[in-house]
Structure formats: structure tokens, C-alpha cells
């Protein structure tokens, strides 16, 4: 298999990619045997864990739709966006506001190739090749400057990305940078692997750290601390399926609360607002 290139970056089909493993778990086709091998560990040895990927994607879709409908915000920065799949941020946003603008941020070469091909004719959406750990580089990128008006509220998306940032890389500092450089009324969506005192959590975290050499699962309190200085909106930091679910979802218990699997507890979501 010949590696594809984009702006000097190559796609290496011999090494697993976080974006491609996630794509595989969601049922996508943009992955290689090495990615499927990792994905199959979850499917085979940790049955039910694929629900994490779907729960995260569903919460993101709900959050984007709600931000546009209830706040009027029409500009998004999606940090660590991953491979295009169903209901991408720009598609959800533009269903509610056709003029919505989105900057996707990723450094995975395959994300860049496929994302730019998908968005080639969309003047309201761009993919920029900047590491999310370099927020200044993202904010000052020419495509970001062209699409995003930083005098108006912005929605900043950290969907399943901050748990791939180690403590010594200052994930809280990344969020703080964006908090300090967007205006009042901006919104922040975060989803994050959630620590749990059970064998499933420990094994899933071990597989990811062993495969990619990085990653830090955090408690609800630690996730909330990443949003320091922002107003965390109801229902707070909760398992992703419990973040403002559609009432048609099942199952529910007699108290009207969603009954979750152990796996669905392992991804948390929160929405916050800059006062």
C-alpha cells in the first residue's frame, strides 16, 4: 500500500492512528488493517466499548444543534476533529443556520486529505493543519482569520481530544487560551474519557496508552477543572448519554433516568459558557 501525502505529511498504514481507529469503531471505511486490529481489541476483548464512540458522537451532534438554535452562534472551531463521518459539525450547524462557518483542526494526514476533499467547494468550512497544543497557531492561521470573527461569540469544540493531551502538556492551559481569546457569550463543548473504579476502565485506558503512548483519563472533578473560569451549564459534567438526551432514547428507569451500560459511563460531556 502506497502512503498518501499532503503538504509533506505522509499517511503511514503500518502505524495505528487515533482518528482512524475511531473511524473504524463508528463503522467508517477510512482505516487500515493496523487500525482495525486495535479496534478489534475493543470489539472482542471489551465487548460493549464501541458504545463510547457512538455516545460521544451523539452528544456532540446534540450540542452543536443546541448551540446554534438557542444562542445564534454561527461560528465553530473544532479542535482535533478527526475523520469526516455522518453529522459532522458543519453539517449539523448548517442545518439550523446555512451561513454557519466551521474551522476543523487536526494534524492527522488522512484527516487532512479526506477533510479537504469533502470541503473543497464549501467556502464556509476549512481544515487547518495545526496541533491543538498550539492554540496560538490555530487562532492566527489564515483560514481561521478568514472564517472566524473573534469580535463575536464562538463555539469551541473539544470533542474527545483533551484526554489525548498529557498533564505535562497543560490541557487546562489550552482551554484557558481559548477562554481568554474569545468574547463573552462564547460556548465550549468538552467530551472526555472518564475515570471509573472498575476493570473496564483500567483495561480500556491501558490499551489506548499502550497503543498510542499517551493519554490521561480524568475524573469528573478534573474534567470540570479544565473549564475553570467558565460557567458550566446544566446538567454539568455527566456521562455523554445523559447530556441533554432526546426523550425518545431508551432505556429509562422508573425515576425517569437513563439506564447506562458500564461503557457509556466512560465518556463524559459538558457545555460551558464564557460569562
Protein backbone atom coordinates (compact mmCIF):
# COMPACT_ATOMS: atom_id res chain seq x y z
CA UNK A 1 0.00 0.00 0.00
CA UNK A 2 1.42 3.36 -1.02
CA UNK A 3 1.38 6.09 1.59
CA UNK A 4 -0.55 9.21 0.59
CA UNK A 5 0.97 12.61 1.18
CA UNK A 6 -0.38 16.08 1.87
CA UNK A 7 1.83 19.13 2.35
CA UNK A 8 4.78 16.91 3.13
CA UNK A 9 2.98 14.69 5.64
CA UNK A 10 2.59 11.01 4.86
CA UNK A 11 -0.09 8.53 5.82
CA UNK A 12 1.69 5.54 7.32
CA UNK A 13 -0.57 2.46 7.02
CA UNK A 14 1.77 0.48 9.28
CA UNK A 15 1.08 2.60 12.39
CA UNK A 16 -2.32 2.98 14.08
CA UNK A 17 -3.98 6.38 14.08
CA UNK A 18 -6.34 7.63 16.78
CA UNK A 19 -8.59 9.18 14.12
CA UNK A 20 -8.68 6.01 12.02
CA UNK A 21 -9.38 3.69 14.99
CA UNK A 22 -12.27 5.96 15.96
CA UNK A 23 -13.47 5.90 12.35
CA UNK A 24 -13.41 2.10 12.39
CA UNK A 25 -15.37 1.90 15.65
CA UNK A 26 -18.02 4.18 14.13
CA UNK A 27 -18.31 1.90 11.10
CA UNK A 28 -16.27 4.05 8.71
CA UNK A 29 -14.10 2.90 5.81
CA UNK A 30 -11.11 5.25 6.16
CA UNK A 31 -8.86 2.90 8.13
CA UNK A 32 -6.19 0.27 7.65
CA UNK A 33 -5.57 -3.24 8.98
CA UNK A 34 -3.42 -1.89 11.81
CA UNK A 35 -6.29 0.36 12.94
CA UNK A 36 -8.82 -2.45 12.70
CA UNK A 37 -6.52 -4.64 14.78
CA UNK A 38 -6.68 -2.11 17.63
CA UNK A 39 -10.39 -1.57 17.14
CA UNK A 40 -10.99 -5.31 17.27
CA UNK A 41 -9.33 -5.47 20.68
CA UNK A 42 -12.17 -3.29 21.93
CA UNK A 43 -14.82 -5.20 20.00
CA UNK A 44 -13.52 -8.64 21.03
CA UNK A 45 -11.98 -8.22 24.46
CA UNK A 46 -14.03 -5.28 25.74
CA UNK A 47 -17.50 -6.01 24.36
CA UNK A 48 -19.77 -3.01 24.57
CA UNK A 49 -16.93 -0.49 24.47
CA UNK A 50 -17.87 0.66 20.95
CA UNK A 51 -20.80 2.40 22.64
CA UNK A 52 -18.29 5.00 23.86
CA UNK A 53 -17.66 6.25 20.31
CA UNK A 54 -21.36 6.42 19.46
CA UNK A 55 -22.29 8.09 22.76
CA UNK A 56 -19.64 10.73 22.19
CA UNK A 57 -20.74 11.43 18.61
CA UNK A 58 -24.39 11.69 19.59
CA UNK A 59 -23.64 14.16 22.40
CA UNK A 60 -21.57 16.30 20.02
CA UNK A 61 -24.41 16.37 17.50
CA UNK A 62 -26.90 17.43 20.17
CA UNK A 63 -24.57 20.11 21.50
CA UNK A 64 -23.88 21.71 18.12
CA UNK A 65 -27.57 21.80 17.25
CA UNK A 66 -28.47 23.31 20.60
CA UNK A 67 -25.76 25.95 20.43
CA UNK A 68 -26.98 27.18 17.06
CA UNK A 69 -30.68 27.05 17.95
CA UNK A 70 -30.50 28.66 21.38
CA UNK A 71 -27.60 31.12 21.12
CA UNK A 72 -27.47 32.18 17.49
CA UNK A 73 -23.74 31.38 17.35
CA UNK A 74 -22.79 30.50 13.78
CA UNK A 75 -19.02 30.01 14.01
CA UNK A 76 -17.25 26.95 15.35
CA UNK A 77 -13.67 25.83 15.94
CA UNK A 78 -13.49 22.01 16.16
CA UNK A 79 -10.18 21.04 17.75
CA UNK A 80 -8.92 17.54 16.95
CA UNK A 81 -11.84 17.00 14.61
CA UNK A 82 -10.90 13.54 13.29
CA UNK A 83 -12.05 11.94 10.05
CA UNK A 84 -15.28 13.12 8.42
CA UNK A 85 -18.25 10.95 9.32
CA UNK A 86 -22.02 11.30 9.49
CA UNK A 87 -23.30 14.53 11.04
CA UNK A 88 -20.07 16.49 11.01
CA UNK A 89 -20.11 19.79 12.91
CA UNK A 90 -20.61 21.91 9.78
CA UNK A 91 -23.47 19.71 8.58
CA UNK A 92 -25.31 19.89 11.90
CA UNK A 93 -24.71 23.64 12.25
CA UNK A 94 -25.70 24.44 8.68
CA UNK A 95 -28.97 22.51 9.01
CA UNK A 96 -30.02 25.16 11.52
CA UNK A 97 -28.06 28.12 10.13
CA UNK A 98 -26.96 27.81 6.48
CA UNK A 99 -24.39 30.58 6.93
CA UNK A 100 -22.59 28.80 9.78
CA UNK A 101 -18.79 28.67 9.47
CA UNK A 102 -16.52 25.93 10.81
CA UNK A 103 -12.75 25.57 11.17
CA UNK A 104 -11.67 21.97 11.69
CA UNK A 105 -8.26 21.46 13.30
CA UNK A 106 -6.20 18.27 13.04
CA UNK A 107 -2.69 17.10 12.15
CA UNK A 108 -3.50 13.51 11.09
CA UNK A 109 -2.50 13.38 7.39
CA UNK A 110 -5.52 11.27 6.44
CA UNK A 111 -7.88 13.70 8.17
CA UNK A 112 -6.35 16.49 6.11
CA UNK A 113 -6.70 14.60 2.82
CA UNK A 114 -10.26 13.43 3.36
CA UNK A 115 -11.45 16.56 5.12
CA UNK A 116 -10.18 18.89 2.45
CA UNK A 117 -11.60 16.71 -0.32
CA UNK A 118 -15.01 16.78 1.37
CA UNK A 119 -14.92 20.54 1.91
CA UNK A 120 -13.25 21.57 -1.33
CA UNK A 121 -16.29 23.51 -2.56
CA UNK A 122 -17.51 24.75 0.82
CA UNK A 123 -16.30 28.31 1.33
CA UNK A 124 -17.68 28.36 4.87
CA UNK A 125 -15.58 25.46 6.15
CA UNK A 126 -11.86 24.75 6.26
CA UNK A 127 -9.46 22.17 7.71
CA UNK A 128 -6.24 23.61 9.15
CA UNK A 129 -3.15 21.54 9.87
CA UNK A 130 -2.12 22.82 13.30
CA UNK A 131 -1.52 20.88 16.50
CA UNK A 132 -4.24 21.59 19.08
CA UNK A 133 -1.44 22.06 21.62
CA UNK A 134 -0.52 25.20 19.65
CA UNK A 135 -3.70 27.27 20.12
CA UNK A 136 -2.00 30.49 19.02
CA UNK A 137 -1.11 28.80 15.74
CA UNK A 138 -4.73 27.74 15.28
CA UNK A 139 -6.15 31.18 16.07
CA UNK A 140 -3.77 33.07 13.79
CA UNK A 141 -3.90 30.60 10.88
CA UNK A 142 -5.00 32.46 7.71
CA UNK A 143 -8.04 30.21 7.23
CA UNK A 144 -9.13 30.77 10.82
CA UNK A 145 -8.70 34.52 10.48
CA UNK A 146 -10.73 34.49 7.26
CA UNK A 147 -13.65 32.48 8.62
CA UNK A 148 -13.88 33.36 12.32
CA UNK A 149 -14.80 36.81 13.61
CA UNK A 150 -13.28 36.93 17.09
CA UNK A 151 -15.25 40.05 18.00
CA UNK A 152 -18.37 37.83 18.07
CA UNK A 153 -19.10 34.73 20.20
CA UNK A 154 -17.51 31.49 19.02
CA UNK A 155 -18.26 27.85 19.85
CA UNK A 156 -15.04 25.98 20.69
CA UNK A 157 -15.29 22.19 20.43
CA UNK A 158 -13.03 19.81 22.39
CA UNK A 159 -14.72 16.55 21.41
CA UNK A 160 -12.74 13.52 22.67
CA UNK A 161 -9.40 15.31 22.30
CA UNK A 162 -8.24 16.55 25.73
CA UNK A 163 -7.85 13.01 27.08
CA UNK A 164 -5.10 12.58 24.46
CA UNK A 165 -3.22 15.56 25.97
CA UNK A 166 -0.94 14.56 28.84
CA UNK A 167 -0.83 16.56 32.07
CA UNK A 168 2.63 17.91 31.29
CA UNK A 169 1.25 19.32 28.03
CA UNK A 170 -1.11 21.56 30.03
CA UNK A 171 -4.59 20.74 28.73
CA UNK A 172 -6.07 23.31 31.12
CA UNK A 173 -3.77 25.92 29.59
CA UNK A 174 -5.08 25.09 26.11
CA UNK A 175 -8.67 25.65 27.23
CA UNK A 176 -7.63 28.79 29.14
CA UNK A 177 -6.02 30.23 26.00
CA UNK A 178 -9.29 29.94 24.11
CA UNK A 179 -11.28 31.29 27.06
CA UNK A 180 -9.06 34.36 27.10
CA UNK A 181 -9.20 34.89 23.34
CA UNK A 182 -12.91 34.61 22.58
CA UNK A 183 -15.55 37.14 23.62
CA UNK A 184 -18.15 36.88 26.35
CA UNK A 185 -21.05 34.68 25.30
CA UNK A 186 -18.81 32.09 23.62
CA UNK A 187 -19.52 28.41 24.28
CA UNK A 188 -17.23 25.46 24.99
CA UNK A 189 -18.20 21.81 24.46
CA UNK A 190 -15.95 19.15 26.01
CA UNK A 191 -16.21 15.37 25.92
CA UNK A 192 -13.58 13.34 27.72
CA UNK A 193 -12.77 9.78 28.79
CA UNK A 194 -13.99 9.44 32.34
CA UNK A 195 -12.14 7.57 35.08
CA UNK A 196 -14.03 4.79 36.79
CA UNK A 197 -13.04 2.40 39.52
CA UNK A 198 -13.73 -0.75 37.51
CA UNK A 199 -11.80 -3.28 35.39
CA UNK A 200 -13.30 -2.00 32.12
CA UNK A 201 -11.91 1.49 32.64
CA UNK A 202 -8.46 0.26 33.57
CA UNK A 203 -8.23 -2.13 30.62
CA UNK A 204 -9.53 0.36 28.03
CA UNK A 205 -7.11 3.01 29.29
CA UNK A 206 -4.23 0.51 29.22
CA UNK A 207 -4.94 -0.45 25.59
CA UNK A 208 -5.01 3.17 24.44
CA UNK A 209 -1.88 4.18 26.34
CA UNK A 210 0.00 1.11 25.15
CA UNK A 211 -1.05 1.72 21.54
CA UNK A 212 -0.52 5.47 21.26
CA UNK A 213 1.95 6.13 24.07
CA UNK A 214 -0.18 8.87 25.57
CA UNK A 215 -3.50 9.66 27.14
CA UNK A 216 -4.95 10.56 30.51
CA UNK A 217 -8.41 9.59 31.69
CA UNK A 218 -9.75 12.07 34.24
CA UNK A 219 -12.37 12.23 36.98
CA UNK A 220 -15.45 14.43 36.69
CA UNK A 221 -13.80 16.96 39.02
CA UNK A 222 -10.66 17.03 36.87
CA UNK A 223 -12.72 17.47 33.71
CA UNK A 224 -14.64 20.32 35.36
CA UNK A 225 -11.35 21.95 36.35
CA UNK A 226 -10.36 22.13 32.66
CA UNK A 227 -13.29 24.55 32.30
CA UNK A 228 -12.13 26.84 35.11
CA UNK A 229 -13.39 30.39 34.63
CA UNK A 230 -16.35 29.26 32.52
CA UNK A 231 -19.95 28.72 33.60
CA UNK A 232 -20.69 25.01 33.29
CA UNK A 233 -24.30 24.70 32.18
CA UNK A 234 -26.88 22.13 33.25
CA UNK A 235 -26.66 19.20 33.67
CA UNK A 236 -22.95 19.70 34.42
CA UNK A 237 -20.24 17.12 33.72
CA UNK A 238 -22.19 13.91 33.15
CA UNK A 239 -21.90 10.69 31.13
CA UNK A 240 -22.37 11.67 27.49
CA UNK A 241 -25.69 9.80 27.01
CA UNK A 242 -27.12 11.84 29.93
CA UNK A 243 -26.10 15.15 28.43
CA UNK A 244 -29.49 16.58 27.34
CA UNK A 245 -30.66 13.33 25.71
CA UNK A 246 -33.54 13.09 23.31
CA UNK A 247 -36.59 11.91 25.22
CA UNK A 248 -37.13 9.15 22.68
CA UNK A 249 -33.94 7.40 23.79
CA UNK A 250 -34.18 4.25 25.90
CA UNK A 251 -33.90 2.61 28.33
CA UNK A 252 -35.17 4.73 31.26
CA UNK A 253 -35.82 3.59 34.80
CA UNK A 254 -38.90 4.28 36.92
CA UNK A 255 -37.41 7.58 38.09
CA UNK A 256 -37.08 8.80 34.53
CA UNK A 257 -33.30 8.44 34.48
CA UNK A 258 -31.34 6.86 31.63
CA UNK A 259 -30.01 3.39 32.42
CA UNK A 260 -26.42 3.23 31.18
CA UNK A 261 -24.04 0.40 30.45
CA UNK A 262 -20.67 0.45 32.19
CA UNK A 263 -19.16 1.58 28.87
CA UNK A 264 -21.49 4.54 28.45
CA UNK A 265 -20.29 5.78 31.83
CA UNK A 266 -16.75 6.06 30.45
CA UNK A 267 -17.25 9.16 28.29
CA UNK A 268 -18.35 12.43 29.90
CA UNK A 269 -19.69 15.58 28.27
CA UNK A 270 -20.18 19.18 29.36
CA UNK A 271 -21.18 22.52 27.87
CA UNK A 272 -19.87 25.77 29.31
CA UNK A 273 -20.31 29.46 28.59
CA UNK A 274 -17.89 32.34 28.94
CA UNK A 275 -19.62 34.94 31.14
